[in-house]
PDB file of all heavy atoms in Angstrom:
ATOM      1  N   SER A   1       0.860  -1.188   0.000  1.00  0.00           N
ATOM      2  CA  SER A   1       0.000   0.000   0.000  1.00  0.00           C
ATOM      3  C   SER A   1       0.893   1.234   0.000  1.00  0.00           C
ATOM      4  O   SER A   1       2.009   1.199   0.511  1.00  0.00           O
ATOM      5  CB  SER A   1      -0.930   0.012   1.218  1.00  0.00           C
ATOM      6  OG  SER A   1      -0.187   0.010   2.422  1.00  0.00           O
ATOM      7  N   GLN A   2       0.399   2.301  -0.571  1.00  0.00           N
ATOM      8  CA  GLN A   2       1.172   3.535  -0.657  1.00  0.00           C
ATOM      9  C   GLN A   2       1.117   4.337   0.639  1.00  0.00           C
ATOM     10  O   GLN A   2       1.975   5.181   0.897  1.00  0.00           O
ATOM     11  CB  GLN A   2       0.665   4.391  -1.818  1.00  0.00           C
ATOM     12  CG  GLN A   2       0.901   3.789  -3.186  1.00  0.00           C
ATOM     13  CD  GLN A   2       2.367   3.631  -3.502  1.00  0.00           C
ATOM     14  OE1 GLN A   2       3.153   4.557  -3.348  1.00  0.00           O
ATOM     15  NE2 GLN A   2       2.746   2.448  -3.934  1.00  0.00           N
ATOM     16  N   VAL A   3       0.102   4.076   1.438  1.00  0.00           N
ATOM     17  CA  VAL A   3      -0.064   4.791   2.703  1.00  0.00           C
ATOM     18  C   VAL A   3      -1.029   3.979   3.563  1.00  0.00           C
ATOM     19  O   VAL A   3      -1.906   3.294   3.040  1.00  0.00           O
ATOM     20  CB  VAL A   3      -0.597   6.227   2.448  1.00  0.00           C
ATOM     21  CG1 VAL A   3      -1.975   6.211   1.806  1.00  0.00           C
ATOM     22  CG2 VAL A   3      -0.595   7.080   3.705  1.00  0.00           C
ATOM     23  N   PHE A   4      -0.854   4.008   4.891  1.00  0.00           N
ATOM     24  CA  PHE A   4      -1.753   3.250   5.765  1.00  0.00           C
ATOM     25  C   PHE A   4      -1.940   3.986   7.088  1.00  0.00           C
ATOM     26  O   PHE A   4      -1.071   4.757   7.521  1.00  0.00           O
ATOM     27  CB  PHE A   4      -1.214   1.840   6.027  1.00  0.00           C
ATOM     28  CG  PHE A   4      -0.063   1.774   7.011  1.00  0.00           C
ATOM     29  CD1 PHE A   4      -0.286   1.446   8.342  1.00  0.00           C
ATOM     30  CD2 PHE A   4       1.243   2.038   6.603  1.00  0.00           C
ATOM     31  CE1 PHE A   4       0.772   1.391   9.251  1.00  0.00           C
ATOM     32  CE2 PHE A   4       2.301   1.985   7.503  1.00  0.00           C
ATOM     33  CZ  PHE A   4       2.062   1.661   8.829  1.00  0.00           C
ATOM     34  N   ALA A   5      -3.083   3.745   7.706  1.00  0.00           N
ATOM     35  CA  ALA A   5      -3.361   4.322   9.022  1.00  0.00           C
ATOM     36  C   ALA A   5      -3.287   3.228  10.086  1.00  0.00           C
ATOM     37  O   ALA A   5      -2.453   3.266  10.989  1.00  0.00           O
ATOM     38  CB  ALA A   5      -4.726   5.000   9.033  1.00  0.00           C
ATOM     39  N   TYR A   6      -4.178   2.233   9.976  1.00  0.00           N
ATOM     40  CA  TYR A   6      -4.172   1.088  10.885  1.00  0.00           C
ATOM     41  C   TYR A   6      -4.973  -0.025  10.220  1.00  0.00           C
ATOM     42  O   TYR A   6      -5.774   0.233   9.310  1.00  0.00           O
ATOM     43  CB  TYR A   6      -4.761   1.446  12.256  1.00  0.00           C
ATOM     44  CG  TYR A   6      -6.119   2.119  12.204  1.00  0.00           C
ATOM     45  CD1 TYR A   6      -7.302   1.388  12.108  1.00  0.00           C
ATOM     46  CD2 TYR A   6      -6.224   3.503  12.279  1.00  0.00           C
ATOM     47  CE1 TYR A   6      -8.547   2.011  12.068  1.00  0.00           C
ATOM     48  CE2 TYR A   6      -7.460   4.146  12.237  1.00  0.00           C
ATOM     49  CZ  TYR A   6      -8.613   3.390  12.137  1.00  0.00           C
ATOM     50  OH  TYR A   6      -9.834   4.007  12.099  1.00  0.00           O
ATOM     51  N   PRO A   7      -4.759  -1.286  10.639  1.00  0.00           N
ATOM     52  CA  PRO A   7      -5.486  -2.392  10.009  1.00  0.00           C
ATOM     53  C   PRO A   7      -6.999  -2.239  10.160  1.00  0.00           C
ATOM     54  O   PRO A   7      -7.498  -1.885  11.235  1.00  0.00           O
ATOM     55  CB  PRO A   7      -4.978  -3.623  10.760  1.00  0.00           C
ATOM     56  CG  PRO A   7      -3.629  -3.228  11.265  1.00  0.00           C
ATOM     57  CD  PRO A   7      -3.757  -1.775  11.609  1.00  0.00           C
ATOM     58  N   ALA A   8      -7.730  -2.538   9.098  1.00  0.00           N
ATOM     59  CA  ALA A   8      -9.186  -2.451   9.138  1.00  0.00           C
ATOM     60  C   ALA A   8      -9.775  -3.445  10.127  1.00  0.00           C
ATOM     61  O   ALA A   8     -10.912  -3.261  10.593  1.00  0.00           O
ATOM     62  CB  ALA A   8      -9.756  -2.700   7.741  1.00  0.00           C
ATOM     63  N   ALA A   9      -9.017  -4.480  10.473  1.00  0.00           N
ATOM     64  CA  ALA A   9      -9.511  -5.494  11.410  1.00  0.00           C
ATOM     65  C   ALA A   9      -9.599  -4.978  12.842  1.00  0.00           C
ATOM     66  O   ALA A   9     -10.261  -5.588  13.689  1.00  0.00           O
ATOM     67  CB  ALA A   9      -8.600  -6.723  11.366  1.00  0.00           C
ATOM     68  N   ILE A  10      -8.943  -3.849  13.142  1.00  0.00           N
ATOM     69  CA  ILE A  10      -8.964  -3.307  14.498  1.00  0.00           C
ATOM     70  C   ILE A  10     -10.259  -2.536  14.737  1.00  0.00           C
ATOM     71  O   ILE A  10     -10.669  -1.717  13.915  1.00  0.00           O
ATOM     72  CB  ILE A  10      -7.748  -2.387  14.735  1.00  0.00           C
ATOM     73  CG1 ILE A  10      -6.450  -3.204  14.677  1.00  0.00           C
ATOM     74  CG2 ILE A  10      -7.856  -1.682  16.087  1.00  0.00           C
ATOM     75  CD1 ILE A  10      -5.195  -2.385  14.892  1.00  0.00           C
ATOM     76  N   ASP A  11     -10.875  -2.790  15.859  1.00  0.00           N
ATOM     77  CA  ASP A  11     -12.066  -2.045  16.266  1.00  0.00           C
ATOM     78  C   ASP A  11     -11.584  -0.734  16.881  1.00  0.00           C
ATOM     79  O   ASP A  11     -11.345  -0.649  18.091  1.00  0.00           O
ATOM     80  CB  ASP A  11     -12.888  -2.862  17.270  1.00  0.00           C
ATOM     81  CG  ASP A  11     -14.197  -2.175  17.660  1.00  0.00           C
ATOM     82  OD1 ASP A  11     -14.335  -0.962  17.394  1.00  0.00           O
ATOM     83  OD2 ASP A  11     -15.069  -2.842  18.235  1.00  0.00           O
ATOM     84  N   TRP A  12     -11.434   0.281  16.034  1.00  0.00           N
ATOM     85  CA  TRP A  12     -10.823   1.527  16.514  1.00  0.00           C
ATOM     86  C   TRP A  12     -11.726   2.272  17.494  1.00  0.00           C
ATOM     87  O   TRP A  12     -11.251   3.000  18.362  1.00  0.00           O
ATOM     88  CB  TRP A  12     -10.445   2.424  15.344  1.00  0.00           C
ATOM     89  CG  TRP A  12      -9.326   3.355  15.698  1.00  0.00           C
ATOM     90  CD1 TRP A  12      -9.405   4.689  15.980  1.00  0.00           C
ATOM     91  CD2 TRP A  12      -7.946   3.004  15.844  1.00  0.00           C
ATOM     92  NE1 TRP A  12      -8.158   5.199  16.293  1.00  0.00           N
ATOM     93  CE2 TRP A  12      -7.248   4.182  16.219  1.00  0.00           C
ATOM     94  CE3 TRP A  12      -7.228   1.810  15.699  1.00  0.00           C
ATOM     95  CZ2 TRP A  12      -5.871   4.192  16.441  1.00  0.00           C
ATOM     96  CZ3 TRP A  12      -5.862   1.825  15.923  1.00  0.00           C
ATOM     97  CH2 TRP A  12      -5.203   3.003  16.286  1.00  0.00           C
ATOM     98  N   LYS A  13     -13.023   2.079  17.363  1.00  0.00           N
ATOM     99  CA  LYS A  13     -13.927   2.700  18.332  1.00  0.00           C
ATOM    100  C   LYS A  13     -13.688   2.134  19.728  1.00  0.00           C
ATOM    101  O   LYS A  13     -13.773   2.854  20.730  1.00  0.00           O
ATOM    102  CB  LYS A  13     -15.384   2.490  17.916  1.00  0.00           C
ATOM    103  CG  LYS A  13     -15.833   3.402  16.779  1.00  0.00           C
ATOM    104  CD  LYS A  13     -17.325   3.261  16.518  1.00  0.00           C
ATOM    105  CE  LYS A  13     -17.787   4.240  15.443  1.00  0.00           C
ATOM    106  NZ  LYS A  13     -19.238   4.110  15.165  1.00  0.00           N
ATOM    107  N   GLU A  14     -13.391   0.843  19.799  1.00  0.00           N
ATOM    108  CA  GLU A  14     -13.063   0.254  21.096  1.00  0.00           C
ATOM    109  C   GLU A  14     -11.754   0.820  21.623  1.00  0.00           C
ATOM    110  O   GLU A  14     -11.630   1.130  22.820  1.00  0.00           O
ATOM    111  CB  GLU A  14     -12.960  -1.266  20.992  1.00  0.00           C
ATOM    112  CG  GLU A  14     -12.640  -1.922  22.332  1.00  0.00           C
ATOM    113  CD  GLU A  14     -12.573  -3.438  22.262  1.00  0.00           C
ATOM    114  OE1 GLU A  14     -12.902  -3.995  21.205  1.00  0.00           O
ATOM    115  OE2 GLU A  14     -12.192  -4.058  23.276  1.00  0.00           O
ATOM    116  N   VAL A  15     -10.773   0.988  20.735  1.00  0.00           N
ATOM    117  CA  VAL A  15      -9.481   1.552  21.129  1.00  0.00           C
ATOM    118  C   VAL A  15      -9.667   2.947  21.712  1.00  0.00           C
ATOM    119  O   VAL A  15      -9.192   3.249  22.815  1.00  0.00           O
ATOM    120  CB  VAL A  15      -8.515   1.592  19.921  1.00  0.00           C
ATOM    121  CG1 VAL A  15      -7.254   2.372  20.279  1.00  0.00           C
ATOM    122  CG2 VAL A  15      -8.162   0.178  19.473  1.00  0.00           C
ATOM    123  N   THR A  16     -10.345   3.817  20.975  1.00  0.00           N
ATOM    124  CA  THR A  16     -10.512   5.195  21.441  1.00  0.00           C
ATOM    125  C   THR A  16     -11.419   5.270  22.671  1.00  0.00           C
ATOM    126  O   THR A  16     -11.229   6.136  23.529  1.00  0.00           O
ATOM    127  CB  THR A  16     -11.068   6.086  20.316  1.00  0.00           C
ATOM    128  OG1 THR A  16     -12.297   5.528  19.825  1.00  0.00           O
ATOM    129  CG2 THR A  16     -10.073   6.187  19.175  1.00  0.00           C
ATOM    130  N   GLY A  17     -12.363   4.344  22.755  1.00  0.00           N
ATOM    131  CA  GLY A  17     -13.233   4.325  23.931  1.00  0.00           C
ATOM    132  C   GLY A  17     -12.472   3.955  25.186  1.00  0.00           C
ATOM    133  O   GLY A  17     -12.619   4.609  26.238  1.00  0.00           O
ATOM    134  N   LYS A  18     -11.627   2.929  25.108  1.00  0.00           N
ATOM    135  CA  LYS A  18     -10.858   2.499  26.276  1.00  0.00           C
ATOM    136  C   LYS A  18      -9.815   3.553  26.678  1.00  0.00           C
ATOM    137  O   LYS A  18      -9.463   3.659  27.860  1.00  0.00           O
ATOM    138  CB  LYS A  18     -10.159   1.169  25.979  1.00  0.00           C
ATOM    139  CG  LYS A  18     -11.119  -0.016  25.810  1.00  0.00           C
ATOM    140  CD  LYS A  18     -11.760  -0.388  27.139  1.00  0.00           C
ATOM    141  CE  LYS A  18     -12.687  -1.603  27.002  1.00  0.00           C
ATOM    142  NZ  LYS A  18     -11.985  -2.852  26.727  1.00  0.00           N
ATOM    143  N   LEU A  19      -9.347   4.314  25.710  1.00  0.00           N
ATOM    144  CA  LEU A  19      -8.354   5.355  26.006  1.00  0.00           C
ATOM    145  C   LEU A  19      -9.005   6.688  26.386  1.00  0.00           C
ATOM    146  O   LEU A  19      -8.294   7.665  26.620  1.00  0.00           O
ATOM    147  CB  LEU A  19      -7.428   5.558  24.794  1.00  0.00           C
ATOM    148  CG  LEU A  19      -6.469   4.406  24.490  1.00  0.00           C
ATOM    149  CD1 LEU A  19      -5.725   4.657  23.177  1.00  0.00           C
ATOM    150  CD2 LEU A  19      -5.467   4.221  25.629  1.00  0.00           C
ATOM    151  N   LYS A  20     -10.340   6.702  26.459  1.00  0.00           N
ATOM    152  CA  LYS A  20     -11.079   7.908  26.853  1.00  0.00           C
ATOM    153  C   LYS A  20     -10.727   9.111  25.972  1.00  0.00           C
ATOM    154  O   LYS A  20     -10.530  10.229  26.457  1.00  0.00           O
ATOM    155  CB  LYS A  20     -10.801   8.257  28.323  1.00  0.00           C
ATOM    156  CG  LYS A  20     -10.962   7.117  29.304  1.00  0.00           C
ATOM    157  CD  LYS A  20     -12.398   6.663  29.410  1.00  0.00           C
ATOM    158  CE  LYS A  20     -12.545   5.588  30.488  1.00  0.00           C
ATOM    159  NZ  LYS A  20     -13.892   4.989  30.528  1.00  0.00           N
ATOM    160  N   VAL A  21     -10.612   8.866  24.660  1.00  0.00           N
ATOM    161  CA  VAL A  21     -10.217   9.929  23.732  1.00  0.00           C
ATOM    162  C   VAL A  21     -11.289  11.024  23.698  1.00  0.00           C
ATOM    163  O   VAL A  21     -12.488  10.737  23.616  1.00  0.00           O
ATOM    164  CB  VAL A  21      -9.989   9.360  22.315  1.00  0.00           C
ATOM    165  CG1 VAL A  21      -9.708  10.482  21.318  1.00  0.00           C
ATOM    166  CG2 VAL A  21      -8.835   8.362  22.344  1.00  0.00           C
ATOM    167  N   ARG A  22     -10.841  12.257  23.751  1.00  0.00           N
ATOM    168  CA  ARG A  22     -11.756  13.396  23.741  1.00  0.00           C
ATOM    169  C   ARG A  22     -12.044  13.827  22.299  1.00  0.00           C
ATOM    170  O   ARG A  22     -11.118  14.128  21.542  1.00  0.00           O
ATOM    171  CB  ARG A  22     -11.157  14.573  24.500  1.00  0.00           C
ATOM    172  CG  ARG A  22     -10.855  14.294  25.966  1.00  0.00           C
ATOM    173  CD  ARG A  22     -10.251  15.523  26.620  1.00  0.00           C
ATOM    174  NE  ARG A  22      -9.734  15.243  27.964  1.00  0.00           N
ATOM    175  CZ  ARG A  22      -9.072  16.126  28.718  1.00  0.00           C
ATOM    176  NH1 ARG A  22      -8.847  17.351  28.231  1.00  0.00           N
ATOM    177  NH2 ARG A  22      -8.638  15.789  29.915  1.00  0.00           N
ATOM    178  N   GLY A  23     -13.296  13.839  21.926  1.00  0.00           N
ATOM    179  CA  GLY A  23     -13.672  14.282  20.594  1.00  0.00           C
ATOM    180  C   GLY A  23     -13.317  13.265  19.527  1.00  0.00           C
ATOM    181  O   GLY A  23     -12.881  12.139  19.797  1.00  0.00           O
ATOM    182  N   ALA A  24     -13.481  13.687  18.273  1.00  0.00           N
ATOM    183  CA  ALA A  24     -13.184  12.813  17.132  1.00  0.00           C
ATOM    184  C   ALA A  24     -11.704  12.891  16.793  1.00  0.00           C
ATOM    185  O   ALA A  24     -11.172  13.986  16.576  1.00  0.00           O
ATOM    186  CB  ALA A  24     -14.017  13.225  15.925  1.00  0.00           C
ATOM    187  N   PRO A  25     -11.009  11.750  16.732  1.00  0.00           N
ATOM    188  CA  PRO A  25      -9.595  11.772  16.341  1.00  0.00           C
ATOM    189  C   PRO A  25      -9.428  12.332  14.925  1.00  0.00           C
ATOM    190  O   PRO A  25     -10.260  12.097  14.040  1.00  0.00           O
ATOM    191  CB  PRO A  25      -9.187  10.297  16.391  1.00  0.00           C
ATOM    192  CG  PRO A  25     -10.171   9.654  17.319  1.00  0.00           C
ATOM    193  CD  PRO A  25     -11.459  10.385  17.082  1.00  0.00           C
ATOM    194  N   GLY A  26      -8.351  13.067  14.720  1.00  0.00           N
ATOM    195  CA  GLY A  26      -8.041  13.593  13.399  1.00  0.00           C
ATOM    196  C   GLY A  26      -6.998  12.736  12.712  1.00  0.00           C
ATOM    197  O   GLY A  26      -5.938  12.452  13.285  1.00  0.00           O
ATOM    198  N   VAL A  27      -7.304  12.280  11.508  1.00  0.00           N
ATOM    199  CA  VAL A  27      -6.357  11.506  10.700  1.00  0.00           C
ATOM    200  C   VAL A  27      -5.825  12.417   9.601  1.00  0.00           C
ATOM    201  O   VAL A  27      -6.594  12.901   8.765  1.00  0.00           O
ATOM    202  CB  VAL A  27      -7.017  10.261  10.084  1.00  0.00           C
ATOM    203  CG1 VAL A  27      -6.029   9.522   9.177  1.00  0.00           C
ATOM    204  CG2 VAL A  27      -7.534   9.329  11.177  1.00  0.00           C
ATOM    205  N   TYR A  28      -4.519  12.670   9.603  1.00  0.00           N
ATOM    206  CA  TYR A  28      -3.883  13.550   8.629  1.00  0.00           C
ATOM    207  C   TYR A  28      -3.016  12.709   7.697  1.00  0.00           C
ATOM    208  O   TYR A  28      -2.068  12.053   8.129  1.00  0.00           O
ATOM    209  CB  TYR A  28      -3.037  14.611   9.333  1.00  0.00           C
ATOM    210  CG  TYR A  28      -3.883  15.595  10.119  1.00  0.00           C
ATOM    211  CD1 TYR A  28      -4.239  15.336  11.442  1.00  0.00           C
ATOM    212  CD2 TYR A  28      -4.352  16.767   9.529  1.00  0.00           C
ATOM    213  CE1 TYR A  28      -5.033  16.223  12.159  1.00  0.00           C
ATOM    214  CE2 TYR A  28      -5.147  17.665  10.235  1.00  0.00           C
ATOM    215  CZ  TYR A  28      -5.491  17.381  11.547  1.00  0.00           C
ATOM    216  OH  TYR A  28      -6.283  18.257  12.247  1.00  0.00           O
ATOM    217  N   VAL A  29      -3.377  12.726   6.423  1.00  0.00           N
ATOM    218  CA  VAL A  29      -2.704  11.910   5.417  1.00  0.00           C
ATOM    219  C   VAL A  29      -1.877  12.815   4.511  1.00  0.00           C
ATOM    220  O   VAL A  29      -2.419  13.713   3.858  1.00  0.00           O
ATOM    221  CB  VAL A  29      -3.719  11.128   4.562  1.00  0.00           C
ATOM    222  CG1 VAL A  29      -2.989  10.227   3.567  1.00  0.00           C
ATOM    223  CG2 VAL A  29      -4.662  10.317   5.437  1.00  0.00           C
ATOM    224  N   ILE A  30      -0.573  12.587   4.471  1.00  0.00           N
ATOM    225  CA  ILE A  30       0.295  13.309   3.538  1.00  0.00           C
ATOM    226  C   ILE A  30       0.642  12.354   2.401  1.00  0.00           C
ATOM    227  O   ILE A  30       1.365  11.379   2.595  1.00  0.00           O
ATOM    228  CB  ILE A  30       1.578  13.820   4.213  1.00  0.00           C
ATOM    229  CG1 ILE A  30       1.228  14.819   5.327  1.00  0.00           C
ATOM    230  CG2 ILE A  30       2.499  14.477   3.182  1.00  0.00           C
ATOM    231  CD1 ILE A  30       2.447  15.348   6.077  1.00  0.00           C
ATOM    232  N   ARG A  31       0.094  12.639   1.239  1.00  0.00           N
ATOM    233  CA  ARG A  31       0.363  11.826   0.044  1.00  0.00           C
ATOM    234  C   ARG A  31       1.414  12.544  -0.778  1.00  0.00           C
ATOM    235  O   ARG A  31       1.130  13.553  -1.438  1.00  0.00           O
ATOM    236  CB  ARG A  31      -0.929  11.620  -0.767  1.00  0.00           C
ATOM    237  CG  ARG A  31      -0.732  10.772  -2.020  1.00  0.00           C
ATOM    238  CD  ARG A  31      -0.419   9.327  -1.670  1.00  0.00           C
ATOM    239  NE  ARG A  31      -0.244   8.507  -2.868  1.00  0.00           N
ATOM    240  CZ  ARG A  31       0.940   8.086  -3.327  1.00  0.00           C
ATOM    241  NH1 ARG A  31       2.059   8.404  -2.684  1.00  0.00           N
ATOM    242  NH2 ARG A  31       1.008   7.345  -4.412  1.00  0.00           N
ATOM    243  N   ASN A  32       2.635  12.036  -0.725  1.00  0.00           N
ATOM    244  CA  ASN A  32       3.760  12.664  -1.414  1.00  0.00           C
ATOM    245  C   ASN A  32       3.733  12.342  -2.905  1.00  0.00           C
ATOM    246  O   ASN A  32       4.613  11.670  -3.447  1.00  0.00           O
ATOM    247  CB  ASN A  32       5.074  12.196  -0.791  1.00  0.00           C
ATOM    248  CG  ASN A  32       5.282  12.737   0.607  1.00  0.00           C
ATOM    249  OD1 ASN A  32       5.241  13.946   0.821  1.00  0.00           O
ATOM    250  ND2 ASN A  32       5.490  11.846   1.558  1.00  0.00           N
ATOM    251  N   SER A  33       2.703  12.829  -3.566  1.00  0.00           N
ATOM    252  CA  SER A  33       2.526  12.514  -4.977  1.00  0.00           C
ATOM    253  C   SER A  33       1.507  13.462  -5.584  1.00  0.00           C
ATOM    254  O   SER A  33       0.792  14.176  -4.879  1.00  0.00           O
ATOM    255  CB  SER A  33       2.043  11.069  -5.138  1.00  0.00           C
ATOM    256  OG  SER A  33       1.854  10.733  -6.496  1.00  0.00           O
ATOM    257  N   PHE A  34       1.464  13.450  -6.912  1.00  0.00           N
ATOM    258  CA  PHE A  34       0.398  14.129  -7.645  1.00  0.00           C
ATOM    259  C   PHE A  34      -0.760  13.143  -7.773  1.00  0.00           C
ATOM    260  O   PHE A  34      -0.547  11.967  -8.042  1.00  0.00           O
ATOM    261  CB  PHE A  34       0.872  14.535  -9.037  1.00  0.00           C
ATOM    262  CG  PHE A  34       2.032  15.499  -9.039  1.00  0.00           C
ATOM    263  CD1 PHE A  34       3.341  15.024  -9.041  1.00  0.00           C
ATOM    264  CD2 PHE A  34       1.822  16.861  -9.030  1.00  0.00           C
ATOM    265  CE1 PHE A  34       4.413  15.901  -9.042  1.00  0.00           C
ATOM    266  CE2 PHE A  34       2.890  17.748  -9.034  1.00  0.00           C
ATOM    267  CZ  PHE A  34       4.192  17.272  -9.041  1.00  0.00           C
ATOM    268  N   LEU A  35      -1.971  13.608  -7.601  1.00  0.00           N
ATOM    269  CA  LEU A  35      -3.132  12.735  -7.725  1.00  0.00           C
ATOM    270  C   LEU A  35      -3.950  13.011  -8.975  1.00  0.00           C
ATOM    271  O   LEU A  35      -4.733  12.169  -9.400  1.00  0.00           O
ATOM    272  CB  LEU A  35      -4.027  12.858  -6.482  1.00  0.00           C
ATOM    273  CG  LEU A  35      -3.392  12.416  -5.166  1.00  0.00           C
ATOM    274  CD1 LEU A  35      -4.402  12.520  -4.033  1.00  0.00           C
ATOM    275  CD2 LEU A  35      -2.855  10.996  -5.263  1.00  0.00           C
ATOM    276  N   ASP A  36      -3.774  14.188  -9.555  1.00  0.00           N
ATOM    277  CA  ASP A  36      -4.507  14.506 -10.777  1.00  0.00           C
ATOM    278  C   ASP A  36      -3.918  13.716 -11.952  1.00  0.00           C
ATOM    279  O   ASP A  36      -2.702  13.497 -12.014  1.00  0.00           O
ATOM    280  CB  ASP A  36      -4.423  16.004 -11.076  1.00  0.00           C
ATOM    281  CG  ASP A  36      -5.076  16.847  -9.985  1.00  0.00           C
ATOM    282  OD1 ASP A  36      -6.121  16.410  -9.473  1.00  0.00           O
ATOM    283  OD2 ASP A  36      -4.537  17.918  -9.649  1.00  0.00           O
ATOM    284  N   PRO A  37      -4.750  13.282 -12.889  1.00  0.00           N
ATOM    285  CA  PRO A  37      -4.241  12.582 -14.081  1.00  0.00           C
ATOM    286  C   PRO A  37      -3.207  13.434 -14.817  1.00  0.00           C
ATOM    287  O   PRO A  37      -3.356  14.655 -14.916  1.00  0.00           O
ATOM    288  CB  PRO A  37      -5.500  12.367 -14.931  1.00  0.00           C
ATOM    289  CG  PRO A  37      -6.627  12.415 -13.968  1.00  0.00           C
ATOM    290  CD  PRO A  37      -6.217  13.400 -12.910  1.00  0.00           C
ATOM    291  N   ASP A  38      -2.170  12.802 -15.290  1.00  0.00           N
ATOM    292  CA  ASP A  38      -1.061  13.497 -15.944  1.00  0.00           C
ATOM    293  C   ASP A  38      -0.911  12.959 -17.367  1.00  0.00           C
ATOM    294  O   ASP A  38      -0.390  11.855 -17.568  1.00  0.00           O
ATOM    295  CB  ASP A  38       0.221  13.269 -15.131  1.00  0.00           C
ATOM    296  CG  ASP A  38       1.454  13.806 -15.831  1.00  0.00           C
ATOM    297  OD1 ASP A  38       1.320  14.776 -16.588  1.00  0.00           O
ATOM    298  OD2 ASP A  38       2.544  13.238 -15.609  1.00  0.00           O
TER     299      ASP A  38
END
């Protein structure tokens, strides 16, 4: 894969719930590439 956050098999809501995360976590993706057709 060109970029990844975490395995889809992980129940991330359970992770954030057990860690008492405040608010919605922010996922910031830096894609070091051009995405428009060239």
